[in-house]
Amino acid sequence: FFVVPLIVGWSMVALGLHYPVDVMGGLILGMLGVGGSFAATTWIL
């Protein structure tokens, strides 16, 4: 499943819409967002 965001990031740079560091920031933020939400839900519920 993680191949998809890598291809999306590659596409965004190839299309001239983002810098590589923007892609890396998105990769980290996406994992932290869902991982953090999952951890918080498990801790609370």
All heavy atoms as atom14 arrays in JSON, in Angstrom:
{
  "sequence": "FFVVPLIVGWSMVALGLHYPVDVMGGLILGMLGVGGSFAATTWIL",
  "atom14_mask": [
    [1, 1, 1, 1, 1, 1, 1, 1, 1, 1, 1, 0, 0, 0],
    [1, 1, 1, 1, 1, 1, 1, 1, 1, 1, 1, 0, 0, 0],
    [1, 1, 1, 1, 1, 1, 1, 0, 0, 0, 0, 0, 0, 0],
    [1, 1, 1, 1, 1, 1, 1, 0, 0, 0, 0, 0, 0, 0],
    [1, 1, 1, 1, 1, 1, 1, 0, 0, 0, 0, 0, 0, 0],
    [1, 1, 1, 1, 1, 1, 1, 1, 0, 0, 0, 0, 0, 0],
    [1, 1, 1, 1, 1, 1, 1, 1, 0, 0, 0, 0, 0, 0],
    [1, 1, 1, 1, 1, 1, 1, 0, 0, 0, 0, 0, 0, 0],
    [1, 1, 1, 1, 0, 0, 0, 0, 0, 0, 0, 0, 0, 0],
    [1, 1, 1, 1, 1, 1, 1, 1, 1, 1, 1, 1, 1, 1],
    [1, 1, 1, 1, 1, 1, 0, 0, 0, 0, 0, 0, 0, 0],
    [1, 1, 1, 1, 1, 1, 1, 1, 0, 0, 0, 0, 0, 0],
    [1, 1, 1, 1, 1, 1, 1, 0, 0, 0, 0, 0, 0, 0],
    [1, 1, 1, 1, 1, 0, 0, 0, 0, 0, 0, 0, 0, 0],
    [1, 1, 1, 1, 1, 1, 1, 1, 0, 0, 0, 0, 0, 0],
    [1, 1, 1, 1, 0, 0, 0, 0, 0, 0, 0, 0, 0, 0],
    [1, 1, 1, 1, 1, 1, 1, 1, 0, 0, 0, 0, 0, 0],
    [1, 1, 1, 1, 1, 1, 1, 1, 1, 1, 0, 0, 0, 0],
    [1, 1, 1, 1, 1, 1, 1, 1, 1, 1, 1, 1, 0, 0],
    [1, 1, 1, 1, 1, 1, 1, 0, 0, 0, 0, 0, 0, 0],
    [1, 1, 1, 1, 1, 1, 1, 0, 0, 0, 0, 0, 0, 0],
    [1, 1, 1, 1, 1, 1, 1, 1, 0, 0, 0, 0, 0, 0],
    [1, 1, 1, 1, 1, 1, 1, 0, 0, 0, 0, 0, 0, 0],
    [1, 1, 1, 1, 1, 1, 1, 1, 0, 0, 0, 0, 0, 0],
    [1, 1, 1, 1, 0, 0, 0, 0, 0, 0, 0, 0, 0, 0],
    [1, 1, 1, 1, 0, 0, 0, 0, 0, 0, 0, 0, 0, 0],
    [1, 1, 1, 1, 1, 1, 1, 1, 0, 0, 0, 0, 0, 0],
    [1, 1, 1, 1, 1, 1, 1, 1, 0, 0, 0, 0, 0, 0],
    [1, 1, 1, 1, 1, 1, 1, 1, 0, 0, 0, 0, 0, 0],
    [1, 1, 1, 1, 0, 0, 0, 0, 0, 0, 0, 0, 0, 0],
    [1, 1, 1, 1, 1, 1, 1, 1, 0, 0, 0, 0, 0, 0],
    [1, 1, 1, 1, 1, 1, 1, 1, 0, 0, 0, 0, 0, 0],
    [1, 1, 1, 1, 0, 0, 0, 0, 0, 0, 0, 0, 0, 0],
    [1, 1, 1, 1, 1, 1, 1, 0, 0, 0, 0, 0, 0, 0],
    [1, 1, 1, 1, 0, 0, 0, 0, 0, 0, 0, 0, 0, 0],
    [1, 1, 1, 1, 0, 0, 0, 0, 0, 0, 0, 0, 0, 0],
    [1, 1, 1, 1, 1, 1, 0, 0, 0, 0, 0, 0, 0, 0],
    [1, 1, 1, 1, 1, 1, 1, 1, 1, 1, 1, 0, 0, 0],
    [1, 1, 1, 1, 1, 0, 0, 0, 0, 0, 0, 0, 0, 0],
    [1, 1, 1, 1, 1, 0, 0, 0, 0, 0, 0, 0, 0, 0],
    [1, 1, 1, 1, 1, 1, 1, 0, 0, 0, 0, 0, 0, 0],
    [1, 1, 1, 1, 1, 1, 1, 0, 0, 0, 0, 0, 0, 0],
    [1, 1, 1, 1, 1, 1, 1, 1, 1, 1, 1, 1, 1, 1],
    [1, 1, 1, 1, 1, 1, 1, 1, 0, 0, 0, 0, 0, 0],
    [1, 1, 1, 1, 1, 1, 1, 1, 0, 0, 0, 0, 0, 0]
  ],
  "atom14_positions": [
    [[0.83, -1.21, 0.0], [0.0, 0.0, 0.0], [0.87, 1.26, 0.0], [0.47, 2.3, -0.52], [-0.92, 0.01, 1.22], [-2.06, -0.97, 1.14], [-2.18, -2.0, 2.06], [-3.01, -0.87, 0.14], [-3.22, -2.91, 1.98], [-4.07, -1.77, 0.05], [-4.17, -2.79, 0.98], [0.0, 0.0, 0.0], [0.0, 0.0, 0.0], [0.0, 0.0, 0.0]],
    [[2.06, 1.16, 0.59], [2.92, 2.33, 0.7], [3.63, 2.66, -0.61], [4.28, 3.71, -0.71], [3.93, 2.14, 1.83], [3.28, 2.17, 3.19], [2.96, 0.99, 3.85], [2.95, 3.37, 3.78], [2.34, 1.01, 5.08], [2.34, 3.41, 5.02], [2.04, 2.23, 5.68], [0.0, 0.0, 0.0], [0.0, 0.0, 0.0], [0.0, 0.0, 0.0]],
    [[3.49, 1.8, -1.61], [4.01, 2.13, -2.94], [3.2, 3.29, -3.53], [3.73, 4.14, -4.25], [3.96, 0.9, -3.87], [4.33, 1.28, -5.3], [4.89, -0.19, -3.35], [0.0, 0.0, 0.0], [0.0, 0.0, 0.0], [0.0, 0.0, 0.0], [0.0, 0.0, 0.0], [0.0, 0.0, 0.0], [0.0, 0.0, 0.0], [0.0, 0.0, 0.0]],
    [[1.91, 3.35, -3.19], [1.04, 4.39, -3.75], [1.51, 5.8, -3.4], [1.68, 6.63, -4.31], [-0.43, 4.16, -3.32], [-1.31, 5.32, -3.77], [-0.95, 2.85, -3.89], [0.0, 0.0, 0.0], [0.0, 0.0, 0.0], [0.0, 0.0, 0.0], [0.0, 0.0, 0.0], [0.0, 0.0, 0.0], [0.0, 0.0, 0.0], [0.0, 0.0, 0.0]],
    [[1.73, 6.13, -2.11], [2.21, 7.49, -1.85], [3.57, 7.8, -2.47], [3.83, 8.96, -2.82], [2.27, 7.56, -0.31], [2.23, 6.16, 0.16], [1.46, 5.41, -0.86], [0.0, 0.0, 0.0], [0.0, 0.0, 0.0], [0.0, 0.0, 0.0], [0.0, 0.0, 0.0], [0.0, 0.0, 0.0], [0.0, 0.0, 0.0], [0.0, 0.0, 0.0]],
    [[4.41, 6.8, -2.64], [5.7, 7.04, -3.29], [5.5, 7.42, -4.75], [6.16, 8.33, -5.27], [6.58, 5.8, -3.18], [7.05, 5.43, -1.76], [7.84, 4.13, -1.8], [7.87, 6.55, -1.15], [0.0, 0.0, 0.0], [0.0, 0.0, 0.0], [0.0, 0.0, 0.0], [0.0, 0.0, 0.0], [0.0, 0.0, 0.0], [0.0, 0.0, 0.0]],
    [[4.57, 6.72, -5.42], [4.29, 7.06, -6.82], [3.62, 8.43, -6.92], [3.91, 9.22, -7.82], [3.39, 5.98, -7.47], [4.13, 4.64, -7.52], [2.98, 6.41, -8.87], [3.29, 3.5, -8.04], [0.0, 0.0, 0.0], [0.0, 0.0, 0.0], [0.0, 0.0, 0.0], [0.0, 0.0, 0.0], [0.0, 0.0, 0.0], [0.0, 0.0, 0.0]],
    [[2.73, 8.73, -5.98], [2.08, 10.04, -5.97], [3.13, 11.13, -5.78], [3.12, 12.16, -6.48], [1.01, 10.11, -4.86], [0.47, 11.55, -4.73], [-0.14, 9.16, -5.16], [0.0, 0.0, 0.0], [0.0, 0.0, 0.0], [0.0, 0.0, 0.0], [0.0, 0.0, 0.0], [0.0, 0.0, 0.0], [0.0, 0.0, 0.0], [0.0, 0.0, 0.0]],
    [[4.06, 10.91, -4.85], [5.11, 11.9, -4.63], [5.99, 12.09, -5.85], [6.34, 13.22, -6.23], [0.0, 0.0, 0.0], [0.0, 0.0, 0.0], [0.0, 0.0, 0.0], [0.0, 0.0, 0.0], [0.0, 0.0, 0.0], [0.0, 0.0, 0.0], [0.0, 0.0, 0.0], [0.0, 0.0, 0.0], [0.0, 0.0, 0.0], [0.0, 0.0, 0.0]],
    [[6.36, 10.99, -6.47], [7.15, 11.04, -7.71], [6.39, 11.83, -8.78], [6.98, 12.68, -9.47], [7.42, 9.6, -8.15], [8.18, 9.42, -9.43], [8.89, 10.36, -10.12], [8.31, 8.2, -10.17], [9.45, 9.8, -11.25], [9.11, 8.48, -11.3], [7.84, 6.9, -9.97], [9.43, 7.5, -12.24], [8.17, 5.93, -10.91], [8.95, 6.23, -12.02]],
    [[5.1, 11.58, -8.89], [4.27, 12.29, -9.88], [4.23, 13.78, -9.6], [4.32, 14.61, -10.52], [2.86, 11.71, -9.88], [2.85, 10.35, -10.22], [0.0, 0.0, 0.0], [0.0, 0.0, 0.0], [0.0, 0.0, 0.0], [0.0, 0.0, 0.0], [0.0, 0.0, 0.0], [0.0, 0.0, 0.0], [0.0, 0.0, 0.0], [0.0, 0.0, 0.0]],
    [[4.09, 14.16, -8.32], [3.99, 15.57, -7.97], [5.27, 16.33, -8.32], [5.22, 17.47, -8.78], [3.68, 15.72, -6.48], [2.37, 15.07, -6.04], [0.92, 15.65, -6.95], [0.76, 17.3, -6.27], [0.0, 0.0, 0.0], [0.0, 0.0, 0.0], [0.0, 0.0, 0.0], [0.0, 0.0, 0.0], [0.0, 0.0, 0.0], [0.0, 0.0, 0.0]],
    [[6.42, 15.69, -8.1], [7.69, 16.32, -8.46], [7.84, 16.37, -9.99], [8.24, 17.39, -10.56], [8.88, 15.59, -7.83], [10.21, 16.2, -8.28], [8.78, 15.63, -6.3], [0.0, 0.0, 0.0], [0.0, 0.0, 0.0], [0.0, 0.0, 0.0], [0.0, 0.0, 0.0], [0.0, 0.0, 0.0], [0.0, 0.0, 0.0], [0.0, 0.0, 0.0]],
    [[7.49, 15.27, -10.66], [7.62, 15.21, -12.12], [6.73, 16.23, -12.81], [7.09, 16.79, -13.86], [7.29, 13.8, -12.61], [0.0, 0.0, 0.0], [0.0, 0.0, 0.0], [0.0, 0.0, 0.0], [0.0, 0.0, 0.0], [0.0, 0.0, 0.0], [0.0, 0.0, 0.0], [0.0, 0.0, 0.0], [0.0, 0.0, 0.0], [0.0, 0.0, 0.0]],
    [[5.55, 16.5, -12.24], [4.63, 17.46, -12.83], [4.98, 18.9, -12.47], [4.29, 19.83, -12.9], [3.2, 17.14, -12.37], [2.61, 15.83, -12.88], [1.29, 15.53, -12.19], [2.42, 15.87, -14.4], [0.0, 0.0, 0.0], [0.0, 0.0, 0.0], [0.0, 0.0, 0.0], [0.0, 0.0, 0.0], [0.0, 0.0, 0.0], [0.0, 0.0, 0.0]],
    [[6.02, 19.08, -11.68], [6.42, 20.43, -11.31], [5.53, 21.07, -10.28], [5.38, 22.29, -10.24], [0.0, 0.0, 0.0], [0.0, 0.0, 0.0], [0.0, 0.0, 0.0], [0.0, 0.0, 0.0], [0.0, 0.0, 0.0], [0.0, 0.0, 0.0], [0.0, 0.0, 0.0], [0.0, 0.0, 0.0], [0.0, 0.0, 0.0], [0.0, 0.0, 0.0]],
    [[4.91, 20.27, -9.4], [3.98, 20.79, -8.4], [4.57, 20.81, -6.99], [4.05, 21.51, -6.13], [2.7, 19.95, -8.4], [1.91, 19.96, -9.7], [0.75, 18.96, -9.63], [1.37, 21.36, -9.99], [0.0, 0.0, 0.0], [0.0, 0.0, 0.0], [0.0, 0.0, 0.0], [0.0, 0.0, 0.0], [0.0, 0.0, 0.0], [0.0, 0.0, 0.0]],
    [[5.64, 20.05, -6.78], [6.24, 20.0, -5.44], [7.73, 19.74, -5.52], [8.25, 19.19, -6.5], [5.58, 18.91, -4.59], [4.3, 19.33, -3.97], [4.23, 20.21, -2.9], [3.02, 19.01, -4.25], [2.96, 20.4, -2.56], [2.21, 19.69, -3.38], [0.0, 0.0, 0.0], [0.0, 0.0, 0.0], [0.0, 0.0, 0.0], [0.0, 0.0, 0.0]],
    [[8.42, 20.12, -4.44], [9.82, 19.8, -4.25], [9.92, 18.44, -3.54], [8.98, 18.01, -2.85], [10.5, 20.85, -3.37], [10.5, 22.25, -3.93], [9.5, 23.16, -3.58], [11.52, 22.67, -4.78], [9.51, 24.46, -4.07], [11.54, 23.97, -5.28], [10.53, 24.86, -4.92], [10.55, 26.13, -5.41], [0.0, 0.0, 0.0], [0.0, 0.0, 0.0]],
    [[11.06, 17.76, -3.64], [11.21, 16.48, -2.94], [10.98, 16.56, -1.44], [10.4, 15.65, -0.84], [12.65, 16.08, -3.26], [12.91, 16.68, -4.61], [12.19, 18.0, -4.57], [0.0, 0.0, 0.0], [0.0, 0.0, 0.0], [0.0, 0.0, 0.0], [0.0, 0.0, 0.0], [0.0, 0.0, 0.0], [0.0, 0.0, 0.0], [0.0, 0.0, 0.0]],
    [[11.42, 17.64, -0.79], [11.23, 17.74, 0.65], [9.75, 17.86, 1.0], [9.32, 17.43, 2.08], [12.03, 18.93, 1.24], [11.4, 20.27, 0.89], [12.19, 18.77, 2.74], [0.0, 0.0, 0.0], [0.0, 0.0, 0.0], [0.0, 0.0, 0.0], [0.0, 0.0, 0.0], [0.0, 0.0, 0.0], [0.0, 0.0, 0.0], [0.0, 0.0, 0.0]],
    [[8.94, 18.41, 0.11], [7.49, 18.47, 0.34], [6.9, 17.07, 0.37], [5.99, 16.78, 1.15], [6.8, 19.28, -0.77], [7.38, 20.67, -0.93], [7.86, 21.23, 0.06], [7.36, 21.19, -2.07], [0.0, 0.0, 0.0], [0.0, 0.0, 0.0], [0.0, 0.0, 0.0], [0.0, 0.0, 0.0], [0.0, 0.0, 0.0], [0.0, 0.0, 0.0]],
    [[7.43, 16.21, -0.5], [6.98, 14.82, -0.54], [7.35, 14.1, 0.76], [6.53, 13.4, 1.35], [7.61, 14.1, -1.76], [7.31, 12.6, -1.71], [7.09, 14.7, -3.06], [0.0, 0.0, 0.0], [0.0, 0.0, 0.0], [0.0, 0.0, 0.0], [0.0, 0.0, 0.0], [0.0, 0.0, 0.0], [0.0, 0.0, 0.0], [0.0, 0.0, 0.0]],
    [[8.58, 14.3, 1.19], [9.03, 13.65, 2.42], [8.22, 14.13, 3.63], [7.86, 13.35, 4.51], [10.52, 13.89, 2.62], [11.36, 13.29, 1.49], [13.12, 13.65, 1.62], [13.58, 12.55, 2.95], [0.0, 0.0, 0.0], [0.0, 0.0, 0.0], [0.0, 0.0, 0.0], [0.0, 0.0, 0.0], [0.0, 0.0, 0.0], [0.0, 0.0, 0.0]],
    [[7.94, 15.42, 3.66], [7.1, 15.95, 4.73], [5.71, 15.33, 4.72], [5.15, 15.01, 5.77], [0.0, 0.0, 0.0], [0.0, 0.0, 0.0], [0.0, 0.0, 0.0], [0.0, 0.0, 0.0], [0.0, 0.0, 0.0], [0.0, 0.0, 0.0], [0.0, 0.0, 0.0], [0.0, 0.0, 0.0], [0.0, 0.0, 0.0], [0.0, 0.0, 0.0]],
    [[5.14, 15.15, 3.53], [3.82, 14.52, 3.42], [3.83, 13.08, 3.86], [2.88, 12.61, 4.51], [0.0, 0.0, 0.0], [0.0, 0.0, 0.0], [0.0, 0.0, 0.0], [0.0, 0.0, 0.0], [0.0, 0.0, 0.0], [0.0, 0.0, 0.0], [0.0, 0.0, 0.0], [0.0, 0.0, 0.0], [0.0, 0.0, 0.0], [0.0, 0.0, 0.0]],
    [[4.88, 12.35, 3.52], [5.01, 10.95, 3.95], [5.01, 10.85, 5.48], [4.3, 10.02, 6.07], [6.28, 10.33, 3.39], [6.34, 10.08, 1.88], [7.75, 9.72, 1.45], [5.36, 8.98, 1.47], [0.0, 0.0, 0.0], [0.0, 0.0, 0.0], [0.0, 0.0, 0.0], [0.0, 0.0, 0.0], [0.0, 0.0, 0.0], [0.0, 0.0, 0.0]],
    [[5.79, 11.71, 6.11], [5.87, 11.68, 7.57], [4.55, 12.09, 8.2], [4.04, 11.43, 9.12], [7.01, 12.59, 8.06], [8.36, 12.07, 7.58], [6.99, 12.71, 9.58], [9.51, 13.03, 7.82], [0.0, 0.0, 0.0], [0.0, 0.0, 0.0], [0.0, 0.0, 0.0], [0.0, 0.0, 0.0], [0.0, 0.0, 0.0], [0.0, 0.0, 0.0]],
    [[3.96, 13.17, 7.71], [2.73, 13.68, 8.3], [1.58, 12.69, 8.16], [0.79, 12.5, 9.09], [2.36, 15.01, 7.67], [1.12, 15.71, 8.25], [1.31, 16.0, 9.73], [0.84, 17.0, 7.48], [0.0, 0.0, 0.0], [0.0, 0.0, 0.0], [0.0, 0.0, 0.0], [0.0, 0.0, 0.0], [0.0, 0.0, 0.0], [0.0, 0.0, 0.0]],
    [[1.47, 12.03, 7.0], [0.4, 11.07, 6.8], [0.51, 9.9, 7.76], [-0.49, 9.46, 8.34], [0.0, 0.0, 0.0], [0.0, 0.0, 0.0], [0.0, 0.0, 0.0], [0.0, 0.0, 0.0], [0.0, 0.0, 0.0], [0.0, 0.0, 0.0], [0.0, 0.0, 0.0], [0.0, 0.0, 0.0], [0.0, 0.0, 0.0], [0.0, 0.0, 0.0]],
    [[1.74, 9.4, 7.97], [1.92, 8.29, 8.91], [1.67, 8.73, 10.34], [1.02, 8.02, 11.12], [3.34, 7.73, 8.76], [3.54, 6.92, 7.49], [5.11, 6.03, 7.42], [6.21, 7.37, 7.02], [0.0, 0.0, 0.0], [0.0, 0.0, 0.0], [0.0, 0.0, 0.0], [0.0, 0.0, 0.0], [0.0, 0.0, 0.0], [0.0, 0.0, 0.0]],
    [[2.14, 9.92, 10.71], [1.92, 10.4, 12.07], [0.44, 10.66, 12.33], [-0.05, 10.41, 13.43], [2.72, 11.69, 12.29], [4.24, 11.56, 12.41], [4.88, 12.95, 12.57], [4.61, 10.68, 13.6], [0.0, 0.0, 0.0], [0.0, 0.0, 0.0], [0.0, 0.0, 0.0], [0.0, 0.0, 0.0], [0.0, 0.0, 0.0], [0.0, 0.0, 0.0]],
    [[-0.27, 11.17, 11.32], [-1.69, 11.48, 11.51], [-2.51, 10.25, 11.84], [-3.22, 10.22, 12.85], [0.0, 0.0, 0.0], [0.0, 0.0, 0.0], [0.0, 0.0, 0.0], [0.0, 0.0, 0.0], [0.0, 0.0, 0.0], [0.0, 0.0, 0.0], [0.0, 0.0, 0.0], [0.0, 0.0, 0.0], [0.0, 0.0, 0.0], [0.0, 0.0, 0.0]],
    [[-2.4, 9.21, 11.01], [-3.21, 8.0, 11.24], [-2.63, 7.18, 12.39], [-3.38, 6.66, 13.22], [-3.29, 7.16, 9.96], [-4.0, 5.84, 10.22], [-4.04, 7.94, 8.88], [0.0, 0.0, 0.0], [0.0, 0.0, 0.0], [0.0, 0.0, 0.0], [0.0, 0.0, 0.0], [0.0, 0.0, 0.0], [0.0, 0.0, 0.0], [0.0, 0.0, 0.0]],
    [[-1.3, 7.09, 12.46], [-0.69, 6.36, 13.57], [-1.02, 6.98, 14.91], [-1.35, 6.28, 15.87], [0.0, 0.0, 0.0], [0.0, 0.0, 0.0], [0.0, 0.0, 0.0], [0.0, 0.0, 0.0], [0.0, 0.0, 0.0], [0.0, 0.0, 0.0], [0.0, 0.0, 0.0], [0.0, 0.0, 0.0], [0.0, 0.0, 0.0], [0.0, 0.0, 0.0]],
    [[-0.96, 8.31, 14.98], [-1.3, 9.0, 16.22], [-2.77, 8.86, 16.57], [-3.13, 8.67, 17.75], [0.0, 0.0, 0.0], [0.0, 0.0, 0.0], [0.0, 0.0, 0.0], [0.0, 0.0, 0.0], [0.0, 0.0, 0.0], [0.0, 0.0, 0.0], [0.0, 0.0, 0.0], [0.0, 0.0, 0.0], [0.0, 0.0, 0.0], [0.0, 0.0, 0.0]],
    [[-3.64, 8.94, 15.57], [-5.08, 8.77, 15.81], [-5.39, 7.36, 16.3], [-6.2, 7.17, 17.22], [-5.86, 9.07, 14.53], [-7.24, 8.89, 14.71], [0.0, 0.0, 0.0], [0.0, 0.0, 0.0], [0.0, 0.0, 0.0], [0.0, 0.0, 0.0], [0.0, 0.0, 0.0], [0.0, 0.0, 0.0], [0.0, 0.0, 0.0], [0.0, 0.0, 0.0]],
    [[-4.74, 6.36, 15.7], [-4.94, 4.98, 16.11], [-4.47, 4.77, 17.55], [-5.14, 4.13, 18.36], [-4.19, 4.04, 15.16], [-4.36, 2.58, 15.46], [-5.51, 1.91, 15.1], [-3.36, 1.88, 16.11], [-5.67, 0.56, 15.39], [-3.51, 0.53, 16.4], [-4.67, -0.13, 16.03], [0.0, 0.0, 0.0], [0.0, 0.0, 0.0], [0.0, 0.0, 0.0]],
    [[-3.29, 5.32, 17.89], [-2.77, 5.18, 19.25], [-3.68, 5.87, 20.26], [-3.95, 5.33, 21.34], [-1.35, 5.76, 19.31], [0.0, 0.0, 0.0], [0.0, 0.0, 0.0], [0.0, 0.0, 0.0], [0.0, 0.0, 0.0], [0.0, 0.0, 0.0], [0.0, 0.0, 0.0], [0.0, 0.0, 0.0], [0.0, 0.0, 0.0], [0.0, 0.0, 0.0]],
    [[-4.18, 7.06, 19.91], [-5.06, 7.79, 20.83], [-6.37, 7.05, 21.04], [-6.89, 6.96, 22.16], [-5.32, 9.19, 20.28], [0.0, 0.0, 0.0], [0.0, 0.0, 0.0], [0.0, 0.0, 0.0], [0.0, 0.0, 0.0], [0.0, 0.0, 0.0], [0.0, 0.0, 0.0], [0.0, 0.0, 0.0], [0.0, 0.0, 0.0], [0.0, 0.0, 0.0]],
    [[-6.92, 6.51, 19.95], [-8.19, 5.77, 20.07], [-8.0, 4.52, 20.91], [-8.85, 4.19, 21.75], [-8.69, 5.37, 18.66], [-8.85, 6.55, 17.87], [-10.02, 4.65, 18.75], [0.0, 0.0, 0.0], [0.0, 0.0, 0.0], [0.0, 0.0, 0.0], [0.0, 0.0, 0.0], [0.0, 0.0, 0.0], [0.0, 0.0, 0.0], [0.0, 0.0, 0.0]],
    [[-6.89, 3.82, 20.73], [-6.62, 2.63, 21.53], [-6.44, 2.98, 23.0], [-6.91, 2.27, 23.89], [-5.35, 1.91, 21.0], [-5.56, 1.54, 19.64], [-5.04, 0.66, 21.81], [0.0, 0.0, 0.0], [0.0, 0.0, 0.0], [0.0, 0.0, 0.0], [0.0, 0.0, 0.0], [0.0, 0.0, 0.0], [0.0, 0.0, 0.0], [0.0, 0.0, 0.0]],
    [[-5.76, 4.1, 23.26], [-5.53, 4.53, 24.64], [-6.83, 4.92, 25.33], [-7.05, 4.6, 26.49], [-4.56, 5.7, 24.65], [-4.22, 6.19, 26.02], [-3.52, 5.54, 27.0], [-4.58, 7.46, 26.58], [-3.42, 6.32, 28.12], [-4.06, 7.51, 27.9], [-5.29, 8.57, 26.09], [-4.23, 8.61, 28.74], [-5.45, 9.67, 26.93], [-4.95, 9.68, 28.22]],
    [[-7.72, 5.6, 24.59], [-8.97, 6.07, 25.19], [-10.02, 4.97, 25.28], [-10.67, 4.78, 26.32], [-9.53, 7.27, 24.38], [-8.57, 8.46, 24.49], [-10.92, 7.66, 24.89], [-8.91, 9.59, 23.54], [0.0, 0.0, 0.0], [0.0, 0.0, 0.0], [0.0, 0.0, 0.0], [0.0, 0.0, 0.0], [0.0, 0.0, 0.0], [0.0, 0.0, 0.0]],
    [[-10.2, 4.2, 24.18], [-11.27, 3.21, 24.11], [-10.8, 1.79, 24.37], [-11.62, 0.89, 24.54], [-11.95, 3.28, 22.74], [-12.57, 4.63, 22.36], [-13.14, 4.57, 20.96], [-13.65, 5.03, 23.37], [0.0, 0.0, 0.0], [0.0, 0.0, 0.0], [0.0, 0.0, 0.0], [0.0, 0.0, 0.0], [0.0, 0.0, 0.0], [0.0, 0.0, 0.0]]
  ]
}
